Protein backbone atom coordinates (compact mmCIF):
# COMPACT_ATOMS: atom_id res chain seq x y z
CA MET A 1 33.43 21.64 7.56
CA SER A 2 34.49 18.40 5.85
CA SER A 3 35.01 18.12 2.11
CA THR A 4 32.05 15.72 1.84
CA THR A 5 29.76 18.27 3.49
CA ALA A 6 31.03 21.00 1.20
CA LYS A 7 30.30 18.88 -1.84
CA ILE A 8 26.77 18.14 -0.66
CA ASN A 9 26.11 21.81 0.04
CA ALA A 10 27.45 22.77 -3.38
CA GLN A 11 25.43 19.97 -5.00
CA VAL A 12 28.48 18.66 -6.87
CA LEU A 13 27.40 15.30 -8.24
CA PRO A 14 30.27 13.17 -9.62
CA GLN A 15 29.53 11.25 -12.79
CA PRO A 16 29.78 7.44 -12.98
CA CYS A 17 33.09 6.08 -14.25
CA PRO A 18 32.77 5.38 -18.01
CA HIS A 19 35.73 2.99 -17.97
CA LEU A 20 34.07 0.77 -15.35
CA ALA A 21 30.83 0.76 -17.32
CA GLU A 22 32.73 -0.17 -20.49
CA PHE A 23 34.65 -2.90 -18.65
CA ARG A 24 31.40 -4.40 -17.33
CA SER A 25 29.71 -4.25 -20.74
CA ARG A 26 32.65 -6.12 -22.25
CA ASN A 27 33.33 -8.67 -19.51
CA GLY A 28 30.26 -8.69 -17.27
CA SER A 29 30.62 -9.40 -13.55
CA LYS A 30 32.58 -12.65 -13.89
CA PRO A 31 36.07 -11.09 -13.40
CA PHE A 32 34.97 -9.44 -10.13
CA ARG A 33 33.42 -12.61 -8.76
CA ALA A 34 36.54 -14.57 -9.74
CA LEU A 35 38.61 -12.22 -7.59
CA GLN A 36 36.95 -13.74 -4.52
CA ASP A 37 39.48 -16.61 -4.59
CA CYS A 38 42.31 -14.07 -4.76
CA LEU A 39 41.32 -12.23 -1.57
CA ARG A 40 42.89 -12.70 1.84
CA VAL A 41 41.29 -11.56 5.09
CA LYS A 42 42.93 -11.81 8.48
CA PRO A 43 40.27 -12.93 11.00
CA PRO A 44 38.45 -11.80 12.91
CA GLY A 45 36.97 -8.94 10.87
CA GLY A 46 40.27 -7.96 9.26
CA ARG A 47 40.81 -5.84 6.18
CA ALA A 48 40.70 -7.58 2.81
CA ALA A 49 43.83 -7.66 0.62
CA ILE A 50 45.11 -9.49 -2.44
CA ARG A 51 46.29 -13.00 -1.53
CA ARG A 52 50.05 -13.62 -1.92
CA ASP A 53 52.84 -15.70 -0.39
CA PRO A 54 53.95 -14.55 3.08
CA ASP A 55 57.50 -13.81 1.82
CA GLU A 56 56.39 -12.04 -1.33
CA VAL A 57 56.78 -8.23 -1.40
CA PRO A 58 54.72 -6.60 -4.16
CA ARG A 59 56.66 -4.13 -6.33
CA CYS A 60 55.77 -1.76 -9.12
CA GLY A 61 56.52 -3.37 -12.47
CA ALA A 62 57.72 -0.05 -13.92
CA CYS A 63 60.00 1.36 -11.21
CA GLY A 64 60.49 -1.68 -8.96
CA ASP A 65 59.64 0.38 -5.88
CA ALA A 66 57.88 -1.49 -3.08
CA ALA A 67 57.61 1.47 -0.72
CA ARG A 68 54.98 3.36 -2.68
CA PRO A 69 51.81 4.10 -0.63
CA ARG A 70 49.51 2.55 -3.25
CA LEU A 71 50.13 -0.44 -5.51
CA TYR A 72 47.46 -1.60 -7.93
CA ALA A 73 47.07 -4.90 -9.77
CA CYS A 74 45.45 -4.69 -13.19
CA VAL A 75 42.29 -6.80 -13.32
CA ALA A 76 42.94 -7.69 -16.98
CA CYS A 77 46.62 -8.75 -16.83
CA ALA A 78 47.56 -8.70 -13.09
CA ALA A 79 50.42 -6.23 -13.73
CA VAL A 80 51.32 -4.33 -10.54
CA SER A 81 51.81 -0.56 -10.89
CA CYS A 82 52.19 2.28 -8.41
CA HIS A 83 50.17 5.43 -8.01
CA ALA A 84 51.54 8.11 -5.67
CA PRO A 85 50.24 11.61 -6.42
CA PRO A 86 51.52 14.25 -6.87
CA GLY A 87 54.32 12.07 -8.25
CA PRO A 88 54.17 9.95 -11.40
CA SER A 89 51.42 7.38 -11.77
CA HIS A 90 52.72 4.23 -13.41
CA ALA A 91 49.22 2.76 -13.08
CA ALA A 92 47.92 5.47 -15.40
CA VAL A 93 50.84 4.92 -17.78
CA HIS A 94 50.05 1.21 -17.87
CA ALA A 95 46.40 1.88 -18.73
CA GLU A 96 47.36 4.29 -21.52
CA SER A 97 49.92 1.92 -23.06
CA MET A 98 47.64 -1.11 -23.12
CA PRO A 99 44.50 -1.82 -25.19
CA PRO A 100 41.10 -0.83 -23.73
CA GLY A 101 40.12 -2.91 -20.70
CA HIS A 102 43.24 -2.34 -18.60
CA GLU A 103 41.93 0.76 -16.82
CA ILE A 104 40.41 -1.09 -13.85
CA ALA A 105 42.77 -2.28 -11.12
CA VAL A 106 42.63 -3.52 -7.51
CA ASP A 107 44.49 -2.03 -4.54
CA VAL A 108 46.92 -4.73 -3.44
CA ASP A 109 46.77 -3.88 0.26
CA ARG A 110 43.16 -2.72 0.62
CA ALA A 111 41.22 -4.72 -2.01
CA GLU A 112 39.48 -1.65 -3.43
CA LEU A 113 38.70 -0.98 -7.07
CA PHE A 114 40.60 1.83 -8.79
CA CYS A 115 40.28 3.38 -12.24
CA CYS A 116 43.76 4.15 -13.55
CA ALA A 117 42.37 6.46 -16.25
CA CYS A 118 40.18 8.53 -13.88
CA ARG A 119 42.77 8.14 -11.10
CA ASP A 120 40.03 7.62 -8.54
CA GLN A 121 38.39 4.82 -6.60
CA VAL A 122 35.27 3.30 -8.13
CA TYR A 123 32.48 1.14 -6.74
CA ASP A 124 31.10 -2.11 -8.16
CA ARG A 125 28.40 -4.12 -6.39
CA ASP A 126 29.66 -7.56 -7.49
CA PHE A 127 33.22 -6.86 -6.39
CA ASP A 128 31.96 -5.48 -3.08
CA ALA A 129 29.85 -8.63 -2.56
CA ALA A 130 32.96 -10.79 -3.18
CA VAL A 131 34.86 -8.81 -0.52
CA VAL A 132 32.01 -9.18 1.98
CA LEU A 133 31.75 -12.90 1.32
CA ALA A 134 35.48 -13.31 1.90
CA GLN A 135 35.25 -11.32 5.14
CA THR A 136 32.30 -13.44 6.29
CA ALA A 137 34.19 -16.63 5.54
CA ALA A 138 37.28 -15.39 7.42
CA SER A 139 35.26 -14.52 10.50
CA SER A 140 33.77 -18.02 10.69
CA THR A 141 35.02 -20.79 12.94
CA LEU A 142 36.65 -22.68 10.08
CA GLY A 143 40.05 -21.10 10.70
CA PRO A 144 42.26 -18.72 8.74
CA ASN A 145 43.83 -21.46 6.63
CA SER A 146 40.59 -22.38 4.86
CA SER A 147 40.14 -21.03 1.39
CA PRO A 148 37.42 -18.40 0.94
CA SER A 149 35.48 -20.51 -1.55
CA SER A 150 35.32 -23.60 0.69
CA ALA A 151 34.58 -21.50 3.75
CA ALA A 152 31.77 -19.70 1.97
CA ALA A 153 30.27 -22.99 0.85
CA ALA A 154 30.36 -24.32 4.41
CA ILE A 155 28.72 -21.16 5.73
CA ARG A 156 25.89 -21.53 3.24
CA LEU A 157 25.25 -25.06 4.49
CA GLN A 158 25.62 -24.43 8.23
CA HIS A 159 24.49 -20.83 8.69
CA PRO A 160 22.40 -19.71 5.71
CA GLU A 161 21.03 -16.80 7.74
CA ASN A 162 24.49 -15.20 7.74
CA LEU A 163 24.23 -14.54 4.02
CA ARG A 164 20.51 -13.87 3.81
CA LYS A 165 20.97 -10.12 3.71
CA ARG A 166 23.89 -10.36 1.31
CA ARG A 167 22.21 -12.25 -1.51
CA ARG A 168 20.09 -10.72 -4.18
CA VAL A 169 16.50 -11.86 -4.33
CA ASP A 170 15.65 -13.42 -7.64
CA TYR A 171 12.71 -11.42 -8.99
CA ARG A 172 11.28 -12.06 -12.41
CA PRO A 173 8.17 -11.15 -14.42
CA TRP A 174 5.55 -13.90 -14.40
CA ALA A 175 3.82 -15.45 -17.38
CA PRO A 176 1.80 -18.65 -16.76
CA ASP A 177 3.04 -21.82 -18.41
CA LEU A 178 0.73 -24.56 -19.66
CA ARG A 179 0.49 -26.27 -16.26
CA GLU A 180 -0.24 -23.02 -14.47
CA ARG A 181 -2.93 -22.12 -17.00
CA VAL A 182 -4.67 -25.42 -16.26
CA LEU A 183 -4.45 -24.76 -12.51
CA VAL A 184 -5.86 -21.24 -12.94
CA GLY A 185 -8.67 -22.53 -15.11
CA ASN A 186 -9.62 -25.34 -12.71
CA GLY A 187 -9.37 -23.16 -9.61
CA SER A 188 -11.47 -20.22 -10.78
CA SER A 189 -14.84 -19.47 -12.28
CA PRO A 190 -15.28 -16.95 -15.13
CA LEU A 191 -17.10 -13.72 -14.46
CA GLU A 192 -20.47 -13.22 -16.06
CA SER A 193 -20.56 -11.14 -19.21
CA PRO A 194 -20.88 -7.43 -18.41
CA ASP A 195 -24.17 -5.65 -18.68
CA THR A 196 -24.58 -4.64 -22.31
CA ALA A 197 -26.70 -1.67 -21.26
CA SER A 198 -23.77 -0.14 -19.45
CA ASP A 199 -20.32 0.54 -20.86
CA LEU A 200 -18.74 0.94 -17.40
CA PRO A 201 -15.89 -1.43 -16.49
CA ARG A 202 -16.68 -4.32 -14.19
CA GLY A 203 -16.46 -3.46 -10.50
CA LEU A 204 -17.21 0.23 -11.00
CA ARG A 205 -20.18 0.74 -8.68
CA GLY A 206 -21.36 3.77 -6.75
CA LEU A 207 -21.26 3.90 -2.94
CA ASN A 208 -24.13 5.45 -1.01
CA ASN A 209 -23.33 8.33 1.32
CA LEU A 210 -24.36 7.25 4.82
CA GLY A 211 -24.16 10.75 6.27
CA ASN A 212 -20.97 12.77 5.64
CA THR A 213 -19.13 9.57 4.66
CA CYS A 214 -17.72 10.81 1.35
CA PHE A 215 -14.26 10.63 2.99
CA MET A 216 -14.74 6.86 3.37
CA ASN A 217 -16.32 6.30 -0.04
CA SER A 218 -13.50 8.10 -1.84
CA VAL A 219 -10.79 5.95 -0.26
CA LEU A 220 -12.78 2.73 -0.66
CA GLN A 221 -13.20 3.37 -4.39
CA ALA A 222 -9.42 3.67 -4.73
CA LEU A 223 -8.83 0.49 -2.71
CA LEU A 224 -11.47 -1.50 -4.61
CA HIS A 225 -9.51 -0.86 -7.80
CA THR A 226 -5.99 -1.25 -6.41
CA PRO A 227 -4.72 -4.13 -8.63
CA PRO A 228 -2.79 -6.22 -6.02
CA LEU A 229 -5.52 -5.74 -3.40
CA ARG A 230 -8.28 -6.54 -5.88
CA ASN A 231 -6.48 -9.68 -7.08
CA TYR A 232 -5.95 -10.81 -3.47
CA PHE A 233 -9.60 -10.66 -2.45
CA LEU A 234 -11.09 -11.84 -5.75
CA SER A 235 -8.85 -14.93 -5.65
CA ASP A 236 -10.37 -15.89 -2.27
CA ARG A 237 -7.15 -15.37 -0.33
CA HIS A 238 -9.23 -14.11 2.61
CA ASN A 239 -12.45 -16.08 2.96
CA ARG A 240 -14.84 -14.22 5.24
CA TYR A 241 -16.93 -17.32 6.05
CA PHE A 242 -13.94 -19.31 7.26
CA CYS A 243 -12.49 -16.32 9.12
CA GLN A 244 -15.76 -15.47 10.88
CA GLU A 245 -16.37 -19.08 11.92
CA ARG A 246 -12.88 -19.27 13.39
CA THR A 247 -13.42 -15.96 15.17
CA ARG A 248 -16.73 -17.12 16.66
CA SER A 249 -15.16 -20.35 17.93
CA ALA A 250 -12.26 -18.49 19.51
CA ALA A 251 -14.55 -15.87 21.03
CA ALA A 252 -16.88 -18.50 22.49
CA ALA A 253 -13.95 -20.31 24.10
CA ALA A 254 -12.48 -17.10 25.48
CA ASN A 255 -15.81 -15.93 26.89
CA ALA A 256 -16.75 -19.22 28.52
CA GLY A 257 -15.50 -17.98 31.88
CA ARG A 258 -16.05 -14.23 31.41
CA ARG A 259 -19.30 -13.28 29.73
CA ASN A 260 -18.83 -9.56 30.18
CA ALA A 261 -15.48 -9.19 28.42
CA SER A 262 -14.82 -5.63 27.29
CA ASN A 263 -13.80 -6.62 23.77
CA ALA A 264 -16.85 -8.78 23.00
CA ASP A 265 -20.48 -8.04 22.35
CA SER A 266 -23.60 -9.66 23.86
CA ASN A 267 -23.55 -12.49 21.32
CA GLY A 268 -20.08 -13.59 22.31
CA LYS A 269 -18.47 -12.40 19.08
CA GLY A 270 -15.20 -10.48 18.93
CA ARG A 271 -14.69 -7.23 17.11
CA ASN A 272 -15.60 -7.38 13.44
CA CYS A 273 -12.84 -8.17 10.98
CA LEU A 274 -12.20 -5.37 8.48
CA ALA A 275 -10.63 -7.83 6.05
CA CYS A 276 -13.86 -9.88 6.11
CA ASP A 277 -15.90 -6.77 5.36
CA MET A 278 -13.49 -5.89 2.54
CA ASP A 279 -13.99 -9.40 1.14
CA ASP A 280 -17.77 -8.90 1.35
CA MET A 281 -17.49 -5.53 -0.38
CA PHE A 282 -15.31 -6.88 -3.21
CA SER A 283 -17.86 -9.65 -3.83
CA ALA A 284 -20.67 -7.10 -3.95
CA VAL A 285 -19.10 -4.51 -6.26
CA PHE A 286 -17.77 -7.14 -8.70
CA SER A 287 -21.04 -9.09 -8.78
CA GLY A 288 -22.28 -7.19 -11.82
CA ASP A 289 -24.96 -5.27 -9.91
CA ARG A 290 -24.88 -1.58 -10.91
CA THR A 291 -27.14 -0.21 -8.17
CA PRO A 292 -25.23 1.86 -5.57
CA TYR A 293 -23.85 -0.18 -2.69
CA SER A 294 -24.16 0.84 0.97
CA PRO A 295 -20.95 0.09 2.95
CA ALA A 296 -22.80 0.30 6.29
CA LYS A 297 -21.31 -2.93 7.62
CA PHE A 298 -17.79 -1.77 6.87
CA LEU A 299 -18.47 1.62 8.50
CA PHE A 300 -19.68 -0.09 11.68
CA SER A 301 -16.61 -2.34 11.79
CA TRP A 302 -14.30 0.65 11.26
CA TRP A 303 -16.01 2.49 14.10
CA GLN A 304 -15.13 -0.41 16.38
CA HIS A 305 -11.46 -0.14 15.42
CA ALA A 306 -11.38 3.68 15.52
CA ALA A 307 -13.76 4.58 18.36
CA ASN A 308 -12.39 8.15 18.54
CA LEU A 309 -13.62 8.75 14.97
CA ALA A 310 -17.01 7.04 15.38
CA SER A 311 -19.47 9.78 14.41
CA TYR A 312 -21.41 11.07 11.43
CA GLU A 313 -19.19 14.12 11.15
CA GLN A 314 -16.90 14.69 8.19
CA GLN A 315 -13.51 13.03 8.74
CA ASP A 316 -10.18 13.28 6.97
CA ALA A 317 -9.78 10.79 4.09
CA HIS A 318 -6.07 10.33 4.77
CA GLU A 319 -6.69 9.63 8.45
CA PHE A 320 -9.32 7.07 7.48
CA PHE A 321 -6.89 5.41 5.05
CA ILE A 322 -4.20 5.01 7.74
CA SER A 323 -6.57 3.77 10.46
CA MET A 324 -8.27 1.31 8.10
CA LEU A 325 -4.94 -0.30 7.09
CA ASP A 326 -3.97 -0.48 10.76
CA GLY A 327 -7.29 -2.16 11.52
CA ILE A 328 -6.72 -4.85 8.87
CA HIS A 329 -3.14 -5.33 10.10
CA GLU A 330 -4.20 -5.57 13.74
CA LYS A 331 -6.81 -8.26 13.10
CA VAL A 332 -4.86 -10.40 10.63
CA GLU A 333 -1.61 -10.30 12.60
CA LYS A 334 -3.47 -11.11 15.83
CA ASP A 335 -4.55 -14.40 14.27
CA ARG A 336 -0.92 -15.28 13.56
CA LYS A 337 1.35 -16.66 16.22
CA LYS A 338 4.37 -14.65 15.08
CA PRO A 339 4.06 -10.96 14.17
CA HIS A 340 5.80 -9.69 11.07
CA SER A 341 7.51 -6.39 10.37
CA GLN A 342 5.46 -3.99 8.27
CA GLY A 343 8.36 -3.16 5.96
CA SER A 344 9.58 -6.71 5.43
CA GLY A 345 7.05 -7.59 2.74
CA ASP A 346 5.91 -10.64 4.76
CA CYS A 347 2.98 -9.10 6.59
CA CYS A 348 -0.78 -8.68 6.21
CA ILE A 349 -2.15 -7.89 2.76
CA ALA A 350 -2.55 -4.18 3.60
CA HIS A 351 1.15 -3.73 4.29
CA ARG A 352 2.27 -6.13 1.59
CA VAL A 353 0.61 -3.81 -0.92
CA PHE A 354 1.22 -0.35 0.55
CA SER A 355 4.19 -0.66 2.89
CA GLY A 356 7.61 0.67 1.95
CA ILE A 357 10.70 1.70 3.91
CA LEU A 358 12.06 5.23 4.31
CA ARG A 359 15.70 5.94 5.04
CA SER A 360 16.75 8.98 7.09
CA ASP A 361 20.40 10.10 7.13
CA VAL A 362 21.55 12.69 9.67
CA MET A 363 25.12 13.83 9.00
CA CYS A 364 27.32 15.77 11.39
CA MET A 365 28.42 19.06 9.82
CA ALA A 366 31.74 18.96 11.70
CA CYS A 367 33.15 15.49 11.00
CA GLY A 368 30.80 13.94 8.43
CA PHE A 369 29.63 11.08 10.70
CA THR A 370 26.23 9.85 9.49
CA SER A 371 23.49 8.28 11.57
CA THR A 372 21.01 6.21 9.54
CA THR A 373 17.54 5.05 10.59
CA TYR A 374 14.84 3.11 8.70
CA ASP A 375 11.08 3.46 9.16
CA PRO A 376 8.23 1.55 7.50
CA CYS A 377 5.50 3.68 5.94
CA VAL A 378 2.27 3.06 4.06
CA ASP A 379 2.25 6.46 2.35
CA ILE A 380 4.42 9.53 1.86
CA SER A 381 3.14 12.93 3.00
CA LEU A 382 4.45 15.74 0.81
CA ASP A 383 4.54 19.51 1.28
CA LEU A 384 3.55 21.66 -1.66
CA GLU A 385 6.38 23.64 -3.18
CA PRO A 386 6.72 27.25 -1.95
CA ASN A 387 4.62 29.73 -3.90
CA GLN A 388 7.27 31.48 -5.98
CA GLY A 389 5.20 32.43 -9.00
CA GLY A 390 4.12 30.42 -11.96
CA SER A 391 6.73 31.29 -14.59
CA ALA A 392 9.64 29.38 -13.13
CA LYS A 393 7.60 26.38 -12.11
CA MET A 394 5.71 26.04 -15.37
CA SER A 395 8.99 25.99 -17.32
CA SER A 396 10.44 23.20 -15.23
CA SER A 397 11.84 20.41 -17.35
CA LYS A 398 10.47 17.79 -14.97
CA SER A 399 6.88 19.02 -15.36
CA SER A 400 6.40 17.30 -18.71
CA HIS A 401 2.69 16.62 -18.11
CA SER A 402 0.33 19.56 -18.30
CA CYS A 403 -3.38 20.07 -18.90
CA ASN A 404 -3.04 19.40 -22.65
CA GLY A 405 -3.65 23.03 -23.52
CA ASP A 406 -7.24 23.30 -22.24
CA ALA A 407 -7.98 26.95 -21.61
CA ASP A 408 -10.40 26.23 -18.80
CA CYS A 409 -8.17 23.66 -17.15
CA MET A 410 -6.94 26.10 -14.53
CA ASN A 411 -7.42 29.76 -13.83
CA SER A 412 -4.74 32.41 -13.46
CA ARG A 413 -4.83 32.15 -9.67
CA GLN A 414 -3.93 28.48 -9.84
CA LEU A 415 -1.14 29.12 -12.35
CA ALA A 416 0.51 31.57 -9.95
CA GLY A 417 1.02 28.83 -7.38
CA THR A 418 1.71 25.72 -9.48
CA SER A 419 3.50 22.80 -7.82
CA THR A 420 4.51 19.49 -9.37
CA LEU A 421 4.54 16.07 -7.78
CA MET A 422 8.16 15.61 -8.88
CA GLY A 423 9.04 18.95 -7.33
CA CYS A 424 7.42 17.86 -4.06
CA LEU A 425 9.42 14.62 -4.14
CA ASP A 426 12.61 16.56 -4.87
CA ARG A 427 11.86 18.74 -1.87
CA PHE A 428 11.17 15.67 0.27
CA THR A 429 14.52 14.01 -0.59
CA ARG A 430 16.82 17.03 -0.76
CA PRO A 431 19.39 17.65 2.04
CA GLU A 432 18.02 19.90 4.77
CA ARG A 433 20.23 21.73 7.21
CA LEU A 434 18.75 21.48 10.69
CA GLY A 435 18.70 24.56 12.86
CA SER A 436 20.88 25.22 15.88
CA ASP A 437 17.96 24.21 18.11
CA GLN A 438 17.91 20.74 16.51
CA LYS A 439 21.48 19.66 17.14
CA PHE A 440 22.05 15.94 17.45
CA PHE A 441 24.62 14.10 19.52
CA CYS A 442 27.48 12.96 17.28
CA LYS A 443 28.98 9.65 18.42
CA GLN A 444 32.27 10.53 16.78
CA CYS A 445 32.61 14.09 18.10
CA GLN A 446 30.99 13.13 21.43
CA VAL A 447 29.19 16.50 21.50
CA SER A 448 26.00 17.92 20.02
CA GLN A 449 26.63 19.30 16.54
CA GLU A 450 24.68 20.97 13.77
CA SER A 451 23.57 18.43 11.20
CA LEU A 452 22.32 17.85 7.69
CA LYS A 453 19.28 15.59 7.22
CA GLN A 454 18.24 13.80 4.05
CA MET A 455 15.31 11.47 3.41
CA SER A 456 15.18 8.79 0.73
CA ILE A 457 13.16 5.69 -0.13
CA ARG A 458 14.88 2.48 0.90
CA LYS A 459 12.20 0.14 -0.48
CA LEU A 460 9.32 0.88 -2.82
CA PRO A 461 5.87 -0.60 -2.16
CA LEU A 462 3.75 -2.28 -4.81
CA VAL A 463 1.38 0.69 -4.61
CA SER A 464 2.70 4.14 -3.70
CA CYS A 465 0.24 6.51 -2.04
CA PHE A 466 1.20 10.19 -1.94
CA HIS A 467 -0.63 12.42 0.53
CA ILE A 468 -0.49 16.16 -0.19
CA LYS A 469 -0.50 18.35 2.91
CA ARG A 470 -3.32 20.76 2.11
CA PHE A 471 -4.33 21.50 5.69
CA GLU A 472 -2.05 23.91 7.57
CA HIS A 473 -2.14 25.09 11.16
CA SER A 474 -0.56 28.38 12.17
CA SER A 475 0.67 28.49 15.76
CA VAL A 476 1.01 32.27 15.51
CA ARG A 477 -2.51 32.98 14.30
CA LYS A 478 -3.85 29.92 16.15
CA MET A 479 -5.98 28.89 13.22
CA SER A 480 -6.07 26.27 10.49
CA ARG A 481 -6.61 26.76 6.79
CA LYS A 482 -6.70 24.80 3.56
CA VAL A 483 -4.13 25.29 0.79
CA ASP A 484 -5.98 25.46 -2.54
CA ARG A 485 -2.91 25.63 -4.77
CA TYR A 486 -2.82 23.62 -7.98
CA LEU A 487 -0.67 20.47 -8.25
CA GLN A 488 0.54 18.90 -11.47
CA PHE A 489 0.96 15.13 -11.36
CA PRO A 490 2.11 12.76 -14.14
CA ILE A 491 0.39 9.63 -15.38
CA SER A 492 3.73 7.77 -15.46
CA LEU A 493 6.18 8.32 -12.62
CA ASP A 494 9.79 7.14 -12.34
CA MET A 495 10.74 6.74 -8.67
CA ALA A 496 14.40 5.85 -9.36
CA PRO A 497 15.77 9.37 -8.55
CA TYR A 498 14.26 9.20 -5.05
CA LEU A 499 15.61 5.77 -4.05
CA SER A 500 18.32 5.50 -1.40
CA SER A 501 20.65 3.88 -3.93
CA SER A 502 20.32 6.90 -6.25
CA ILE A 503 20.65 9.41 -3.41
CA LEU A 504 23.81 7.72 -2.09
CA ARG A 505 25.26 7.50 -5.59
CA SER A 506 24.66 11.21 -6.04
CA ARG A 507 26.26 11.93 -2.70
CA PHE A 508 29.35 9.73 -2.94
CA GLY A 509 29.73 9.04 -6.65
CA ASN A 510 31.48 5.75 -7.34
CA ARG A 511 33.71 5.85 -4.29
CA VAL A 512 33.94 2.73 -2.20
CA PHE A 513 32.15 2.98 1.15
CA PRO A 514 31.85 0.33 3.86
CA PHE A 515 29.33 -2.41 3.14
CA ASP A 516 26.75 -2.43 5.93
CA GLY A 517 24.21 -4.87 4.54
CA ASP A 518 22.15 -2.05 3.03
CA GLU A 519 22.23 -3.35 -0.51
CA PRO A 520 19.17 -2.04 -2.37
CA ASP A 521 16.45 -4.54 -3.02
CA ALA A 522 16.85 -5.98 -6.49
CA SER A 523 13.15 -5.50 -7.19
CA ASN A 524 13.52 -1.72 -6.76
CA ASN A 525 15.92 -1.56 -9.70
CA LEU A 526 13.41 -3.41 -11.86
CA SER A 527 10.16 -1.81 -10.69
CA SER A 528 10.75 1.90 -10.23
CA GLU A 529 8.24 2.82 -12.98
CA PHE A 530 4.72 3.55 -11.66
CA GLU A 531 1.34 4.28 -13.27
CA LEU A 532 -1.38 6.51 -11.83
CA PHE A 533 -4.74 4.78 -11.33
CA ALA A 534 -6.62 6.78 -8.64
CA VAL A 535 -6.79 10.39 -7.44
CA VAL A 536 -8.71 11.43 -4.33
CA THR A 537 -9.61 15.12 -4.45
CA HIS A 538 -11.04 17.58 -1.95
CA THR A 539 -13.10 20.66 -2.70
CA GLY A 540 -14.47 23.27 -0.33
CA LYS A 541 -13.28 24.58 2.98
CA LEU A 542 -11.45 22.90 5.82
CA ASP A 543 -14.56 22.11 7.87
CA ALA A 544 -17.10 21.84 5.05
CA GLY A 545 -15.66 20.07 2.05
CA HIS A 546 -16.39 17.15 -0.23
CA TYR A 547 -14.24 14.20 -1.39
CA VAL A 548 -14.39 12.74 -4.89
CA THR A 549 -12.29 9.98 -6.49
CA TYR A 550 -11.15 9.78 -10.09
CA LEU A 551 -10.32 6.25 -11.31
CA ARG A 552 -8.32 5.33 -14.40
CA LEU A 553 -9.72 2.08 -15.79
CA CYS A 554 -9.19 0.73 -19.31
CA ASN A 555 -7.40 4.00 -20.21
CA ASN A 556 -10.53 6.02 -19.39
CA TRP A 557 -11.15 8.29 -16.40
CA TYR A 558 -14.27 7.92 -14.22
CA LYS A 559 -15.53 10.26 -11.54
CA CYS A 560 -16.80 8.49 -8.40
CA ASP A 561 -18.94 10.99 -6.49
CA ASP A 562 -20.55 8.78 -3.83
CA ALA A 563 -23.41 7.00 -5.65
CA TRP A 564 -22.85 8.72 -9.01
CA ILE A 565 -20.36 7.34 -11.57
CA THR A 566 -19.62 9.36 -14.71
CA GLN A 567 -16.92 9.22 -17.37
CA VAL A 568 -14.83 12.41 -17.56
CA ASN A 569 -12.05 13.92 -19.64
CA GLU A 570 -8.46 13.70 -18.41
CA SER A 571 -8.20 17.51 -18.31
CA ILE A 572 -10.88 17.58 -15.60
CA VAL A 573 -8.81 15.20 -13.48
CA ARG A 574 -5.67 17.29 -13.92
CA ALA A 575 -7.52 20.46 -12.91
CA ALA A 576 -8.82 18.91 -9.67
CA GLN A 577 -7.21 19.58 -6.29
CA GLY A 578 -5.34 16.33 -5.77
CA TYR A 579 -5.22 15.26 -2.12
CA MET A 580 -4.15 11.59 -2.40
CA MET A 581 -2.57 9.99 -5.48
CA PHE A 582 -2.27 6.23 -5.93
CA TYR A 583 0.40 4.79 -8.24
CA VAL A 584 0.95 1.09 -8.99
CA GLN A 585 4.12 -0.50 -10.35
CA LYS A 586 3.98 -0.84 -14.14
CA MET A 587 5.37 -4.37 -14.00
CA LEU A 588 4.82 -6.54 -10.94
CA TYR A 589 7.59 -9.02 -10.17
CA TYR A 590 7.24 -12.13 -8.06
CA LYS A 591 9.78 -13.84 -5.84
CA ALA A 592 10.82 -17.24 -7.15
CA SER A 593 9.65 -19.91 -4.71
CA GLU A 594 12.22 -22.33 -3.34
CA LYS A 595 9.56 -24.84 -2.27
CA GLN A 596 8.93 -27.93 -4.36
CA VAL A 597 5.37 -28.20 -5.62
CA ALA A 598 3.86 -31.64 -6.24
CA ARG A 599 2.97 -32.11 -9.86
């Protein structure tokens, strides 16, 4: 077993280098970016090193030895010192004899950062980006004699796509300036004053049960109050009248020669657009009318997209959520000439709001080779923590949110099987050793080996939906059952510990690893804090249950039970059996547009 595997199994997590952090706080990233002009790369795809004259032989300034295996140049003063354990380390002596700031050095032959005080390699994103840019410039067709700075500038002009994955995206919080306020005011109409007879927030309207459709109503209530989705439809980004007219014209042209097409009805219209029905529903629930609304039109359209679920029987709310997003994606993307990836952020509104990217690492237990795959997802399904008694779980430091001391919040049976949402996420992202029957083919060993698998979140969505697996099927007993165990979930949730960048940092520490274009999205570092705004719950048995949604609006909780809307205490929400939890980013960032707008 490799040393890396042993460290992962022992859960030894190296701490970040304090000297690097102090150096960055004092000098920023400018010294690392300036090193780009000092790098030399032999094309094509050669290893980066410190640039020097061809006849120059680097030597240690203390002992004058040039044959040492490692020579390091101080970033602060460019002094070259050797480091050859278990022998003396003149690099460490140099750092100790100089004022603070001389601890960070660069390997002369390998262009890797090294902390002379910690006597270990360290990782810095800006320095790594400078190395990658130099390697990209060297591999271009400009020739090895071109300087890295001029080559990089030419690459930006001729092949901007080469650096698209390397650059950070400029995300920033948005506040409208005077011009934008005028545009918003001229392009929108104010909502009517709310009904003084009702103290319910605007848009909070009951949904009639159309016959075992509480599964649909519960999810629709959460979607109607999902901030990015609500803002999209209420700002007329999808106009149902324009979309339906375009659909009718296209359907009439397509059916001119084939009246009996399988995907059209007798009137010549195509399948209904779920996004149009969502637009219709948003207009209805935010109209100010408080009478319960009947989403019959939306139900009929969903039946057309999910014919296998078209019945008046009780369905699974999570399954409805997935199929409904797929239906919106299918229709909107069909109207576009070029399909977009669900995880790219440039897709239909459903995936722009809910889609994230999961990272899966499978590591060979024999040699440490790691195979990495990425998968888009619109939600994360979590297993409840194993039932190990309530004492250990209730004392967990991560479970900082409880039921505020209400005696009737949960009974003793629930306490005995308490799980936390953070504990479920920890379980989802922890390393898992696969069994001998799940060996994978290692490209490095060229044989099937036992492996270690670890999941992490590569990219966070604007809205994170967590689905709790409460329905289990036993292949031994050949029966299904519902898990009624209690789940604690926080109002505020920090997703930073579950990001791929955090998982990799915990696994490798600050050691330099090859740059593969997998730089974390800059927006993830800024928007890892989430707020809970909707909880879909399920009560009853597996085949005869009922779905209810709790919404958090204006810092108050409201129970949406089909057509009935009531305000409830937070302790009631915490005591409910959470099935789906919806969290939205606390601060939404926008991507700065590069297009010029006419003033």
